C-alpha atoms as a PDB file:
ATOM      1  CA  MET A   1      49.430 -16.022 -62.739  1.00  0.00           C
ATOM      2  CA  THR A   2      46.317 -14.222 -64.392  1.00  0.00           C
ATOM      3  CA  THR A   3      45.113 -15.088 -67.939  1.00  0.00           C
ATOM      4  CA  GLU A   4      44.131 -11.887 -69.769  1.00  0.00           C
ATOM      5  CA  ILE A   5      41.263 -12.122 -72.321  1.00  0.00           C
ATOM      6  CA  HIS A   6      42.292 -10.141 -75.695  1.00  0.00           C
ATOM      7  CA  ALA A   7      39.807  -7.137 -76.065  1.00  0.00           C
ATOM      8  CA  HIS A   8      38.527  -8.589 -79.226  1.00  0.00           C
ATOM      9  CA  ASN A   9      37.020 -11.062 -77.565  1.00  0.00           C
ATOM     10  CA  VAL A  10      35.109  -8.044 -76.028  1.00  0.00           C
ATOM     11  CA  LEU A  11      33.980  -6.286 -79.735  1.00  0.00           C
ATOM     12  CA  ASN A  12      32.860  -9.729 -80.553  1.00  0.00           C
ATOM     13  CA  LEU A  13      30.009  -9.449 -78.105  1.00  0.00           C
ATOM     14  CA  LEU A  14      28.933  -6.513 -79.885  1.00  0.00           C
ATOM     15  CA  ARG A  15      29.361  -7.884 -83.317  1.00  0.00           C
ATOM     16  CA  GLU A  16      26.400 -10.284 -82.440  1.00  0.00           C
ATOM     17  CA  GLN A  17      24.485  -7.039 -80.947  1.00  0.00           C
ATOM     18  CA  ALA A  18      24.346  -3.632 -80.077  1.00  0.00           C
ATOM     19  CA  LEU A  19      24.212  -3.182 -76.213  1.00  0.00           C
ATOM     20  CA  SER A  20      24.417  -0.379 -73.681  1.00  0.00           C
ATOM     21  CA  GLU A  21      27.177   0.879 -71.387  1.00  0.00           C
ATOM     22  CA  GLN A  22      25.538  -1.293 -68.518  1.00  0.00           C
ATOM     23  CA  GLU A  23      24.781  -4.389 -70.700  1.00  0.00           C
ATOM     24  CA  LEU A  24      27.931  -4.910 -72.254  1.00  0.00           C
ATOM     25  CA  ARG A  25      29.225  -4.580 -68.648  1.00  0.00           C
ATOM     26  CA  ASN A  26      26.858  -7.184 -67.355  1.00  0.00           C
ATOM     27  CA  THR A  27      27.783  -9.485 -70.459  1.00  0.00           C
ATOM     28  CA  VAL A  28      31.213  -9.197 -69.877  1.00  0.00           C
ATOM     29  CA  VAL A  29      31.107 -10.197 -66.100  1.00  0.00           C
ATOM     30  CA  GLU A  30      28.612 -12.767 -67.112  1.00  0.00           C
ATOM     31  CA  GLU A  31      30.987 -14.026 -69.792  1.00  0.00           C
ATOM     32  CA  PHE A  32      34.125 -13.354 -68.216  1.00  0.00           C
ATOM     33  CA  GLY A  33      33.918 -12.651 -64.313  1.00  0.00           C
ATOM     34  CA  GLU A  34      33.981 -10.196 -62.264  1.00  0.00           C
ATOM     35  CA  ALA A  35      37.748 -10.016 -62.182  1.00  0.00           C
ATOM     36  CA  ALA A  36      38.762 -10.244 -65.135  1.00  0.00           C
ATOM     37  CA  ARG A  37      41.601  -8.601 -67.393  1.00  0.00           C
ATOM     38  CA  PHE A  38      42.017  -7.363 -70.524  1.00  0.00           C
ATOM     39  CA  ARG A  39      44.432  -6.857 -73.197  1.00  0.00           C
ATOM     40  CA  THR A  40      45.008  -5.415 -76.291  1.00  0.00           C
ATOM     41  CA  CYS A  41      47.149  -6.075 -79.501  1.00  0.00           C
ATOM     42  CA  LYS A  42      49.840  -3.862 -77.987  1.00  0.00           C
ATOM     43  CA  LEU A  43      48.441  -2.745 -74.245  1.00  0.00           C
ATOM     44  CA  ASP A  44      47.557  -5.149 -71.488  1.00  0.00           C
ATOM     45  CA  GLY A  45      46.553  -4.880 -67.750  1.00  0.00           C
ATOM     46  CA  PHE A  46      43.026  -3.298 -68.918  1.00  0.00           C
ATOM     47  CA  ASP A  47      39.953  -3.899 -66.096  1.00  0.00           C
ATOM     48  CA  PHE A  48      36.198  -3.560 -67.754  1.00  0.00           C
ATOM     49  CA  ASP A  49      36.324   0.037 -67.250  1.00  0.00           C
ATOM     50  CA  ALA A  50      39.472   1.071 -68.552  1.00  0.00           C
ATOM     51  CA  LEU A  51      38.940  -0.872 -71.644  1.00  0.00           C
ATOM     52  CA  PHE A  52      35.729   0.557 -72.455  1.00  0.00           C
ATOM     53  CA  ALA A  53      37.211   4.273 -71.869  1.00  0.00           C
ATOM     54  CA  PHE A  54      40.328   2.731 -74.456  1.00  0.00           C
ATOM     55  CA  PHE A  55      37.484   1.808 -77.098  1.00  0.00           C
ATOM     56  CA  VAL A  56      35.484   5.006 -76.728  1.00  0.00           C
ATOM     57  CA  GLN A  57      38.544   7.188 -76.673  1.00  0.00           C
ATOM     58  CA  ARG A  58      39.946   4.854 -79.878  1.00  0.00           C
ATOM     59  CA  LYS A  59      36.421   5.312 -81.844  1.00  0.00           C
ATOM     60  CA  LYS A  60      36.667   1.219 -81.580  1.00  0.00           C
ATOM     61  CA  ILE A  61      32.916   1.674 -80.811  1.00  0.00           C
ATOM     62  CA  ILE A  62      30.470   4.174 -81.562  1.00  0.00           C
ATOM     63  CA  GLU A  63      26.685   5.071 -79.725  1.00  0.00           C
ATOM     64  CA  GLN A  64      23.665   5.616 -81.461  1.00  0.00           C
ATOM     65  CA  ASP A  65      20.427   5.518 -79.493  1.00  0.00           C
ATOM     66  CA  GLY A  66      21.799   4.865 -75.872  1.00  0.00           C
ATOM     67  CA  LYS A  67      23.593   1.137 -77.522  1.00  0.00           C
ATOM     68  CA  TRP A  68      27.279   0.952 -78.506  1.00  0.00           C
ATOM     69  CA  HIS A  69      27.926  -0.699 -81.848  1.00  0.00           C
ATOM     70  CA  ILE A  70      31.429  -1.925 -82.948  1.00  0.00           C
ATOM     71  CA  ASN A  71      33.162   0.514 -85.283  1.00  0.00           C
ATOM     72  CA  ALA A  72      34.399  -2.251 -88.071  1.00  0.00           C
ATOM     73  CA  GLU A  73      36.628   0.387 -89.460  1.00  0.00           C
ATOM     74  CA  ARG A  74      38.662   1.270 -86.485  1.00  0.00           C
ATOM     75  CA  VAL A  75      38.807  -2.488 -85.739  1.00  0.00           C
ATOM     76  CA  CYS A  76      42.196  -4.393 -86.546  1.00  0.00           C
ATOM     77  CA  ASN A  77      40.984  -8.041 -88.264  1.00  0.00           C
ATOM     78  CA  HIS A  78      43.279 -11.097 -87.150  1.00  0.00           C
END
């Protein structure tokens, strides 16, 4: 059985500092492993690429000057 990591753990990396997509990818791999899978409050089965696209689509992260920042207004707080 595979344990999925909650997406908030990835968003928390961006709370610490803004990162480029590649920097975030590298940090996620370092922190959670190459084969990590992620879930949100309602959905599951994301790999990094799908999770990143989900964040962008839902405006949970925003890009400024080539770095991605958390958009606190769009992230639930639990």
